[in-house]
Amino acid sequence: MDISANDLTKWAKKNLELIGWRLNRVNNIPFGKRKGTIQKGWADLQGYTEKGTYVAVEIKKIGDKLSPEQRERFKDIYECGGIVYICTEIENKPALVEWSKMKF
């Protein structure tokens, strides 16, 4: 089906906010004379749970891969007690995959 990155982002944000998480969409795309300002490796959605646990959600369309910087950053977030999800498409539907279940 090839769900767009924008639709995956909206789906993840909406569904995670329904369970009480607070998320912010991070945009680091250069525009005009403005350069991207965020270090490499940060997630597309960032925020926290109702208990204050840090949350990172990376959006990946089918065929997209995590960069080495993202793998390093997400591993660090996870090991520090944060929650990391990859939002992608599985069987023509948006899905959240836990970082701890990713295979590299």
C-alpha atoms as a PDB file:
ATOM      1  CA  MET A   1       0.000   0.000   0.000  1.00  0.00           C
ATOM      2  CA  ASP A   2       2.949   2.344   0.681  1.00  0.00           C
ATOM      3  CA  ILE A   3       1.682   4.649   3.426  1.00  0.00           C
ATOM      4  CA  SER A   4       3.366   8.064   3.331  1.00  0.00           C
ATOM      5  CA  ALA A   5       5.772   9.152   6.061  1.00  0.00           C
ATOM      6  CA  ASN A   6       3.423  12.035   6.868  1.00  0.00           C
ATOM      7  CA  ASP A   7       0.474   9.655   7.357  1.00  0.00           C
ATOM      8  CA  LEU A   8       2.597   7.311   9.516  1.00  0.00           C
ATOM      9  CA  THR A   9       3.654  10.280  11.656  1.00  0.00           C
ATOM     10  CA  LYS A  10       0.080  11.503  12.134  1.00  0.00           C
ATOM     11  CA  TRP A  11      -1.087   7.963  12.972  1.00  0.00           C
ATOM     12  CA  ALA A  12       1.659   7.386  15.566  1.00  0.00           C
ATOM     13  CA  LYS A  13       1.188  10.789  17.208  1.00  0.00           C
ATOM     14  CA  LYS A  14      -2.602  10.436  17.387  1.00  0.00           C
ATOM     15  CA  ASN A  15      -2.576   6.894  18.776  1.00  0.00           C
ATOM     16  CA  LEU A  16       0.151   7.485  21.352  1.00  0.00           C
ATOM     17  CA  GLU A  17      -1.501  10.699  22.530  1.00  0.00           C
ATOM     18  CA  LEU A  18      -4.718   8.704  23.057  1.00  0.00           C
ATOM     19  CA  ILE A  19      -2.920   6.737  25.793  1.00  0.00           C
ATOM     20  CA  GLY A  20      -1.717   9.934  27.457  1.00  0.00           C
ATOM     21  CA  TRP A  21       1.733  10.404  25.946  1.00  0.00           C
ATOM     22  CA  ARG A  22       2.841  13.932  25.039  1.00  0.00           C
ATOM     23  CA  LEU A  23       4.686  14.060  21.722  1.00  0.00           C
ATOM     24  CA  ASN A  24       6.230  16.740  19.561  1.00  0.00           C
ATOM     25  CA  ARG A  25       7.069  16.380  15.897  1.00  0.00           C
ATOM     26  CA  VAL A  26      10.692  17.285  15.238  1.00  0.00           C
ATOM     27  CA  ASN A  27      11.523  18.730  11.827  1.00  0.00           C
ATOM     28  CA  ASN A  28      15.167  19.038  10.880  1.00  0.00           C
ATOM     29  CA  ILE A  29      14.784  19.545   7.150  1.00  0.00           C
ATOM     30  CA  PRO A  30      16.729  22.516   5.763  1.00  0.00           C
ATOM     31  CA  PHE A  31      14.464  25.136   4.207  1.00  0.00           C
ATOM     32  CA  GLY A  32      15.681  28.049   2.145  1.00  0.00           C
ATOM     33  CA  LYS A  33      18.615  29.599   3.986  1.00  0.00           C
ATOM     34  CA  ARG A  34      17.732  27.840   7.226  1.00  0.00           C
ATOM     35  CA  LYS A  35      19.938  24.860   8.024  1.00  0.00           C
ATOM     36  CA  GLY A  36      18.836  21.813   9.980  1.00  0.00           C
ATOM     37  CA  THR A  37      19.669  22.447  13.642  1.00  0.00           C
ATOM     38  CA  ILE A  38      19.339  19.060  15.315  1.00  0.00           C
ATOM     39  CA  GLN A  39      22.209  16.615  15.640  1.00  0.00           C
ATOM     40  CA  LYS A  40      21.950  13.484  13.519  1.00  0.00           C
ATOM     41  CA  GLY A  41      20.145  10.517  15.002  1.00  0.00           C
ATOM     42  CA  TRP A  42      17.219  12.135  16.837  1.00  0.00           C
ATOM     43  CA  ALA A  43      13.727  10.666  16.339  1.00  0.00           C
ATOM     44  CA  ASP A  44      10.906  12.238  14.335  1.00  0.00           C
ATOM     45  CA  LEU A  45       8.584  12.307  17.350  1.00  0.00           C
ATOM     46  CA  GLN A  46       9.874  12.998  20.852  1.00  0.00           C
ATOM     47  CA  GLY A  47       8.135  13.442  24.157  1.00  0.00           C
ATOM     48  CA  TYR A  48       7.236  11.718  27.402  1.00  0.00           C
ATOM     49  CA  THR A  49       4.694   9.419  28.984  1.00  0.00           C
ATOM     50  CA  GLU A  50       2.256  10.407  31.712  1.00  0.00           C
ATOM     51  CA  LYS A  51       4.875   9.112  34.197  1.00  0.00           C
ATOM     52  CA  GLY A  52       7.662  11.240  32.720  1.00  0.00           C
ATOM     53  CA  THR A  53       9.504   8.528  30.773  1.00  0.00           C
ATOM     54  CA  TYR A  54      11.228   9.851  27.654  1.00  0.00           C
ATOM     55  CA  VAL A  55       9.752   8.590  24.363  1.00  0.00           C
ATOM     56  CA  ALA A  56      11.301   8.557  20.874  1.00  0.00           C
ATOM     57  CA  VAL A  57       9.381   7.436  17.781  1.00  0.00           C
ATOM     58  CA  GLU A  58      11.142   7.157  14.432  1.00  0.00           C
ATOM     59  CA  ILE A  59       9.066   7.047  11.253  1.00  0.00           C
ATOM     60  CA  LYS A  60      10.293   4.693   8.540  1.00  0.00           C
ATOM     61  CA  LYS A  61       8.497   3.955   5.294  1.00  0.00           C
ATOM     62  CA  ILE A  62       8.895   0.508   3.742  1.00  0.00           C
ATOM     63  CA  GLY A  63      12.467   0.183   2.495  1.00  0.00           C
ATOM     64  CA  ASP A  64      13.841   2.982   4.701  1.00  0.00           C
ATOM     65  CA  LYS A  65      16.654   2.048   7.075  1.00  0.00           C
ATOM     66  CA  LEU A  66      17.925   3.519  10.317  1.00  0.00           C
ATOM     67  CA  SER A  67      21.169   5.462  10.011  1.00  0.00           C
ATOM     68  CA  PRO A  68      24.146   4.449  12.166  1.00  0.00           C
ATOM     69  CA  GLU A  69      23.551   7.637  14.213  1.00  0.00           C
ATOM     70  CA  GLN A  70      19.924   6.663  14.816  1.00  0.00           C
ATOM     71  CA  ARG A  71      20.859   3.148  15.897  1.00  0.00           C
ATOM     72  CA  GLU A  72      23.411   4.540  18.335  1.00  0.00           C
ATOM     73  CA  ARG A  73      21.029   7.210  19.682  1.00  0.00           C
ATOM     74  CA  PHE A  74      18.061   4.828  20.067  1.00  0.00           C
ATOM     75  CA  LYS A  75      20.211   2.198  21.768  1.00  0.00           C
ATOM     76  CA  ASP A  76      21.386   4.858  24.227  1.00  0.00           C
ATOM     77  CA  ILE A  77      17.827   6.091  24.893  1.00  0.00           C
ATOM     78  CA  TYR A  78      16.653   2.519  25.470  1.00  0.00           C
ATOM     79  CA  GLU A  79      19.559   1.665  27.771  1.00  0.00           C
ATOM     80  CA  CYS A  80      18.900   4.847  29.790  1.00  0.00           C
ATOM     81  CA  GLY A  81      15.314   3.760  30.440  1.00  0.00           C
ATOM     82  CA  GLY A  82      13.546   5.563  27.610  1.00  0.00           C
ATOM     83  CA  ILE A  83      10.964   4.095  25.259  1.00  0.00           C
ATOM     84  CA  VAL A  84      11.804   3.785  21.565  1.00  0.00           C
ATOM     85  CA  TYR A  85       9.436   2.775  18.778  1.00  0.00           C
ATOM     86  CA  ILE A  86       9.815   2.545  15.030  1.00  0.00           C
ATOM     87  CA  CYS A  87       6.579   3.393  13.226  1.00  0.00           C
ATOM     88  CA  THR A  88       6.333   1.625   9.891  1.00  0.00           C
ATOM     89  CA  GLU A  89       3.925  -0.227   7.646  1.00  0.00           C
ATOM     90  CA  ILE A  90       3.252  -3.929   8.232  1.00  0.00           C
ATOM     91  CA  GLU A  91       0.738  -5.807   6.081  1.00  0.00           C
ATOM     92  CA  ASN A  92      -0.609  -2.551   4.622  1.00  0.00           C
ATOM     93  CA  LYS A  93      -1.298  -1.014   8.045  1.00  0.00           C
ATOM     94  CA  PRO A  94       0.624   1.421  10.256  1.00  0.00           C
ATOM     95  CA  ALA A  95       2.405  -0.337  13.116  1.00  0.00           C
ATOM     96  CA  LEU A  96       4.647   0.467  16.068  1.00  0.00           C
ATOM     97  CA  VAL A  97       7.623  -1.841  16.587  1.00  0.00           C
ATOM     98  CA  GLU A  98       9.421  -1.747  19.939  1.00  0.00           C
ATOM     99  CA  TRP A  99      13.150  -1.028  19.737  1.00  0.00           C
ATOM    100  CA  SER A 100      13.885  -4.072  21.891  1.00  0.00           C
ATOM    101  CA  LYS A 101      12.260  -6.296  19.251  1.00  0.00           C
ATOM    102  CA  MET A 102      14.219  -4.873  16.288  1.00  0.00           C
ATOM    103  CA  LYS A 103      16.654  -7.188  14.524  1.00  0.00           C
ATOM    104  CA  PHE A 104      19.760  -5.734  12.944  1.00  0.00           C
END
